[in-house]
N, C-alpha and C. Protein backbone atom coordinates (compact mmCIF):
# COMPACT_ATOMS: atom_id res chain seq x y z
N MET A 1 0.84 -1.19 0.00
CA MET A 1 0.00 0.00 0.00
C MET A 1 0.88 1.25 0.00
N VAL A 2 0.31 2.32 -0.54
CA VAL A 2 1.01 3.59 -0.63
C VAL A 2 0.20 4.62 0.16
N LYS A 3 0.91 5.50 0.85
CA LYS A 3 0.26 6.48 1.69
C LYS A 3 0.52 7.89 1.18
N LEU A 4 -0.52 8.69 1.18
CA LEU A 4 -0.45 10.11 0.90
C LEU A 4 -0.40 10.82 2.23
N LEU A 5 0.69 11.53 2.49
CA LEU A 5 0.81 12.34 3.71
C LEU A 5 0.66 13.80 3.33
N MET A 6 -0.13 14.52 4.11
CA MET A 6 -0.36 15.94 3.86
C MET A 6 -0.23 16.71 5.16
N THR A 7 0.34 17.92 5.07
CA THR A 7 0.41 18.81 6.21
C THR A 7 -0.06 20.19 5.80
N TRP A 8 -0.57 20.94 6.78
CA TRP A 8 -0.99 22.31 6.55
C TRP A 8 -1.30 23.00 7.86
N ASN A 9 -1.57 24.30 7.76
CA ASN A 9 -2.01 25.12 8.88
C ASN A 9 -3.37 25.70 8.52
N ILE A 10 -4.26 25.75 9.50
CA ILE A 10 -5.60 26.30 9.28
C ILE A 10 -5.51 27.82 9.33
N ARG A 11 -6.15 28.48 8.38
CA ARG A 11 -6.17 29.95 8.36
C ARG A 11 -6.90 30.47 9.60
N ASP A 12 -6.34 31.51 10.20
CA ASP A 12 -6.96 32.13 11.38
C ASP A 12 -8.38 32.59 11.05
N GLY A 13 -9.28 32.29 11.95
CA GLY A 13 -10.67 32.72 11.80
C GLY A 13 -11.53 31.80 10.96
N LEU A 14 -10.94 30.76 10.36
CA LEU A 14 -11.71 29.85 9.50
C LEU A 14 -11.81 28.44 10.08
N GLU A 15 -11.53 28.30 11.36
CA GLU A 15 -11.49 26.97 11.96
C GLU A 15 -12.81 26.22 11.83
N ASP A 16 -13.93 26.86 12.14
CA ASP A 16 -15.23 26.18 12.06
C ASP A 16 -15.55 25.77 10.63
N GLU A 17 -15.35 26.68 9.68
CA GLU A 17 -15.62 26.38 8.28
C GLU A 17 -14.69 25.27 7.77
N TYR A 18 -13.44 25.32 8.21
CA TYR A 18 -12.46 24.30 7.83
C TYR A 18 -12.92 22.91 8.27
N PHE A 19 -13.25 22.77 9.55
CA PHE A 19 -13.64 21.46 10.06
C PHE A 19 -14.92 20.95 9.39
N GLU A 20 -15.83 21.85 9.09
CA GLU A 20 -17.05 21.45 8.37
C GLU A 20 -16.70 20.95 6.96
N PHE A 21 -15.82 21.66 6.27
CA PHE A 21 -15.40 21.26 4.93
C PHE A 21 -14.71 19.90 4.95
N VAL A 22 -13.79 19.71 5.88
CA VAL A 22 -13.05 18.45 5.94
C VAL A 22 -13.99 17.28 6.19
N MET A 23 -14.93 17.44 7.09
CA MET A 23 -15.85 16.35 7.43
C MET A 23 -16.89 16.09 6.34
N GLN A 24 -17.38 17.14 5.71
CA GLN A 24 -18.47 16.97 4.75
C GLN A 24 -18.02 16.82 3.30
N GLU A 25 -16.84 17.33 2.96
CA GLU A 25 -16.42 17.29 1.56
C GLU A 25 -15.07 16.62 1.34
N PHE A 26 -14.05 17.04 2.09
CA PHE A 26 -12.70 16.56 1.82
C PHE A 26 -12.56 15.06 2.10
N GLY A 27 -12.95 14.63 3.27
CA GLY A 27 -12.87 13.20 3.61
C GLY A 27 -13.68 12.33 2.67
N PRO A 28 -14.96 12.64 2.47
CA PRO A 28 -15.75 11.85 1.52
C PRO A 28 -15.20 11.90 0.10
N GLY A 29 -14.63 13.04 -0.29
CA GLY A 29 -14.04 13.15 -1.62
C GLY A 29 -12.82 12.24 -1.79
N MET A 30 -12.02 12.14 -0.73
CA MET A 30 -10.87 11.23 -0.78
C MET A 30 -11.35 9.79 -0.96
N LEU A 31 -12.38 9.42 -0.22
CA LEU A 31 -12.94 8.06 -0.35
C LEU A 31 -13.43 7.80 -1.77
N GLU A 32 -14.08 8.79 -2.33
CA GLU A 32 -14.60 8.68 -3.71
C GLU A 32 -13.47 8.44 -4.70
N LEU A 33 -12.29 8.98 -4.41
CA LEU A 33 -11.12 8.81 -5.27
C LEU A 33 -10.36 7.52 -5.00
N GLY A 34 -10.80 6.76 -4.02
CA GLY A 34 -10.11 5.52 -3.69
C GLY A 34 -8.98 5.69 -2.69
N ILE A 35 -8.96 6.84 -2.01
CA ILE A 35 -7.96 7.10 -0.96
C ILE A 35 -8.65 6.95 0.38
N GLN A 36 -8.26 5.94 1.14
CA GLN A 36 -8.87 5.66 2.44
C GLN A 36 -8.18 6.49 3.51
N PRO A 37 -8.88 7.49 4.10
CA PRO A 37 -8.25 8.25 5.19
C PRO A 37 -7.85 7.31 6.33
N THR A 38 -6.64 7.53 6.85
CA THR A 38 -6.13 6.65 7.90
C THR A 38 -5.90 7.35 9.22
N ASP A 39 -5.49 8.59 9.16
CA ASP A 39 -5.19 9.29 10.40
C ASP A 39 -5.21 10.79 10.19
N ALA A 40 -5.38 11.50 11.28
CA ALA A 40 -5.31 12.96 11.28
C ALA A 40 -4.78 13.38 12.64
N TRP A 41 -3.75 14.20 12.61
CA TRP A 41 -3.09 14.65 13.83
C TRP A 41 -3.15 16.17 13.89
N TYR A 42 -3.43 16.67 15.08
CA TYR A 42 -3.51 18.11 15.32
C TYR A 42 -2.38 18.51 16.26
N THR A 43 -1.56 19.46 15.86
CA THR A 43 -0.48 19.94 16.70
C THR A 43 -1.00 21.07 17.57
N ALA A 44 -1.05 20.83 18.87
CA ALA A 44 -1.58 21.82 19.80
C ALA A 44 -0.55 22.91 20.12
N TYR A 45 0.73 22.56 20.12
CA TYR A 45 1.77 23.55 20.36
C TYR A 45 3.07 23.08 19.71
N GLY A 46 3.96 24.02 19.49
CA GLY A 46 5.22 23.69 18.85
C GLY A 46 5.32 24.28 17.47
N ASN A 47 6.50 24.22 16.90
CA ASN A 47 6.76 24.81 15.61
C ASN A 47 6.69 23.74 14.51
N ARG A 48 5.52 23.19 14.31
CA ARG A 48 5.26 22.16 13.32
C ARG A 48 3.95 22.49 12.61
N PRO A 49 3.69 21.86 11.47
CA PRO A 49 2.38 22.08 10.82
C PRO A 49 1.25 21.73 11.80
N GLN A 50 0.20 22.50 11.73
CA GLN A 50 -0.94 22.30 12.63
C GLN A 50 -1.65 20.98 12.37
N ILE A 51 -1.74 20.58 11.12
CA ILE A 51 -2.43 19.35 10.75
C ILE A 51 -1.48 18.42 9.98
N LEU A 52 -1.49 17.15 10.35
CA LEU A 52 -0.83 16.08 9.59
C LEU A 52 -1.90 15.04 9.37
N THR A 53 -2.15 14.71 8.13
CA THR A 53 -3.18 13.72 7.83
C THR A 53 -2.69 12.79 6.72
N GLY A 54 -3.29 11.62 6.66
CA GLY A 54 -2.87 10.65 5.66
C GLY A 54 -4.01 9.80 5.16
N GLY A 55 -3.78 9.21 4.02
CA GLY A 55 -4.72 8.27 3.43
C GLY A 55 -3.96 7.28 2.58
N VAL A 56 -4.49 6.07 2.48
CA VAL A 56 -3.80 5.02 1.73
C VAL A 56 -4.59 4.62 0.49
N ALA A 57 -3.82 4.11 -0.47
CA ALA A 57 -4.39 3.52 -1.68
C ALA A 57 -3.69 2.19 -1.91
N ASP A 58 -4.29 1.35 -2.72
CA ASP A 58 -3.76 0.01 -2.94
C ASP A 58 -2.36 0.00 -3.55
N ASP A 59 -2.12 0.93 -4.49
CA ASP A 59 -0.83 0.93 -5.17
C ASP A 59 -0.51 2.33 -5.67
N LEU A 60 0.73 2.52 -6.08
CA LEU A 60 1.21 3.82 -6.51
C LEU A 60 0.47 4.33 -7.74
N SER A 61 0.21 3.46 -8.69
CA SER A 61 -0.44 3.92 -9.92
C SER A 61 -1.86 4.42 -9.65
N SER A 62 -2.61 3.74 -8.80
CA SER A 62 -3.98 4.21 -8.51
C SER A 62 -3.96 5.51 -7.71
N LEU A 63 -2.99 5.67 -6.83
CA LEU A 63 -2.89 6.92 -6.07
C LEU A 63 -2.49 8.06 -6.99
N ARG A 64 -1.54 7.82 -7.87
CA ARG A 64 -1.15 8.87 -8.82
C ARG A 64 -2.30 9.25 -9.75
N GLU A 65 -3.06 8.26 -10.16
CA GLU A 65 -4.23 8.54 -11.00
C GLU A 65 -5.24 9.41 -10.25
N ALA A 66 -5.48 9.09 -8.99
CA ALA A 66 -6.40 9.88 -8.17
C ALA A 66 -5.91 11.32 -8.04
N LEU A 67 -4.62 11.49 -7.79
CA LEU A 67 -4.05 12.82 -7.59
C LEU A 67 -3.98 13.63 -8.88
N ALA A 68 -4.07 12.97 -10.02
CA ALA A 68 -4.08 13.66 -11.31
C ALA A 68 -5.49 13.99 -11.79
N SER A 69 -6.49 13.58 -11.02
CA SER A 69 -7.88 13.73 -11.46
C SER A 69 -8.41 15.15 -11.23
N LYS A 70 -9.44 15.48 -11.97
CA LYS A 70 -10.13 16.76 -11.81
C LYS A 70 -10.74 16.85 -10.42
N LYS A 71 -11.30 15.78 -9.92
CA LYS A 71 -11.90 15.76 -8.59
C LYS A 71 -10.88 16.15 -7.53
N TRP A 72 -9.66 15.59 -7.59
CA TRP A 72 -8.63 15.93 -6.61
C TRP A 72 -8.24 17.40 -6.73
N ARG A 73 -8.08 17.89 -7.96
CA ARG A 73 -7.73 19.31 -8.14
C ARG A 73 -8.79 20.20 -7.51
N GLU A 74 -10.06 19.85 -7.68
CA GLU A 74 -11.14 20.64 -7.09
C GLU A 74 -11.12 20.57 -5.56
N LEU A 75 -10.91 19.36 -5.01
CA LEU A 75 -10.84 19.21 -3.56
C LEU A 75 -9.68 20.02 -2.98
N LYS A 76 -8.53 19.90 -3.61
CA LYS A 76 -7.34 20.59 -3.12
C LYS A 76 -7.52 22.10 -3.21
N LEU A 77 -8.06 22.58 -4.31
CA LEU A 77 -8.31 24.02 -4.47
C LEU A 77 -9.26 24.52 -3.39
N ALA A 78 -10.30 23.76 -3.10
CA ALA A 78 -11.24 24.14 -2.04
C ALA A 78 -10.54 24.13 -0.68
N LEU A 79 -9.72 23.11 -0.43
CA LEU A 79 -8.98 23.03 0.83
C LEU A 79 -8.09 24.26 1.01
N LEU A 80 -7.46 24.69 -0.05
CA LEU A 80 -6.52 25.82 0.03
C LEU A 80 -7.20 27.13 0.40
N THR A 81 -8.53 27.21 0.31
CA THR A 81 -9.22 28.41 0.79
C THR A 81 -9.26 28.45 2.31
N TYR A 82 -9.05 27.31 2.97
CA TYR A 82 -9.10 27.21 4.43
C TYR A 82 -7.73 27.04 5.08
N VAL A 83 -6.69 26.73 4.30
CA VAL A 83 -5.39 26.40 4.88
C VAL A 83 -4.25 27.13 4.18
N THR A 84 -3.09 27.14 4.85
CA THR A 84 -1.86 27.66 4.28
C THR A 84 -0.78 26.59 4.43
N ASP A 85 0.33 26.79 3.77
CA ASP A 85 1.50 25.93 3.92
C ASP A 85 1.20 24.45 3.61
N PHE A 86 0.39 24.22 2.59
CA PHE A 86 0.03 22.85 2.21
C PHE A 86 1.24 22.13 1.61
N ASN A 87 1.47 20.91 2.08
CA ASN A 87 2.50 20.05 1.52
C ASN A 87 1.94 18.63 1.42
N GLN A 88 2.42 17.89 0.44
CA GLN A 88 2.02 16.49 0.33
C GLN A 88 3.20 15.67 -0.16
N LYS A 89 3.20 14.39 0.23
CA LYS A 89 4.21 13.46 -0.28
C LYS A 89 3.64 12.06 -0.23
N LEU A 90 4.20 11.21 -1.06
CA LEU A 90 3.81 9.81 -1.14
C LEU A 90 4.90 8.97 -0.49
N VAL A 91 4.48 8.02 0.35
CA VAL A 91 5.42 7.13 1.02
C VAL A 91 4.85 5.71 1.02
N HIS A 92 5.72 4.75 1.22
CA HIS A 92 5.27 3.37 1.41
C HIS A 92 4.56 3.32 2.76
N ALA A 93 3.34 2.78 2.80
CA ALA A 93 2.56 2.73 4.04
C ALA A 93 3.17 1.71 5.00
N SER A 94 3.50 2.18 6.22
CA SER A 94 4.10 1.30 7.20
C SER A 94 3.11 0.83 8.25
N GLY A 95 1.95 1.46 8.31
CA GLY A 95 0.95 1.07 9.28
C GLY A 95 1.00 1.85 10.57
N GLY A 96 2.04 2.63 10.80
CA GLY A 96 2.17 3.41 12.01
C GLY A 96 2.22 4.89 11.69
N PHE A 97 2.53 5.69 12.70
CA PHE A 97 2.69 7.12 12.52
C PHE A 97 3.84 7.37 11.55
N GLN A 98 3.60 8.21 10.56
CA GLN A 98 4.63 8.49 9.56
C GLN A 98 4.77 9.98 9.33
N LEU A 99 5.98 10.41 9.02
CA LEU A 99 6.26 11.82 8.69
C LEU A 99 6.76 11.91 7.28
C-alpha cells in the first residue's frame, strides 16, 4: 500500500468552516477517489504544521491517477481556501505514525 501524507495550517478565523469542509467534503471526496483516510493529527503547540493527515491507496499507480484527477484538483483548491503551507508526499505505508 502507498500512503499520501499531507500537512498544513488552518487559516486564522476559518477553523469552524475548515472542520465542516473536511468532514463533509474533503474526507468523503478522498474516499470517492479511492484514498482511504487513515489518520489525522492536530499539533496543539510547537513549531510544526498544525495538521498532519494521511490516506492510503492500494498501489502507486492508482494513487497517482487519483491525484491527477479533476476531482482531486477541485478538492485541493477548495482546501486551500481554508489552509496555508500545504504540503504532500507519497510514502510506502508502514501502518504506524509516519512523517
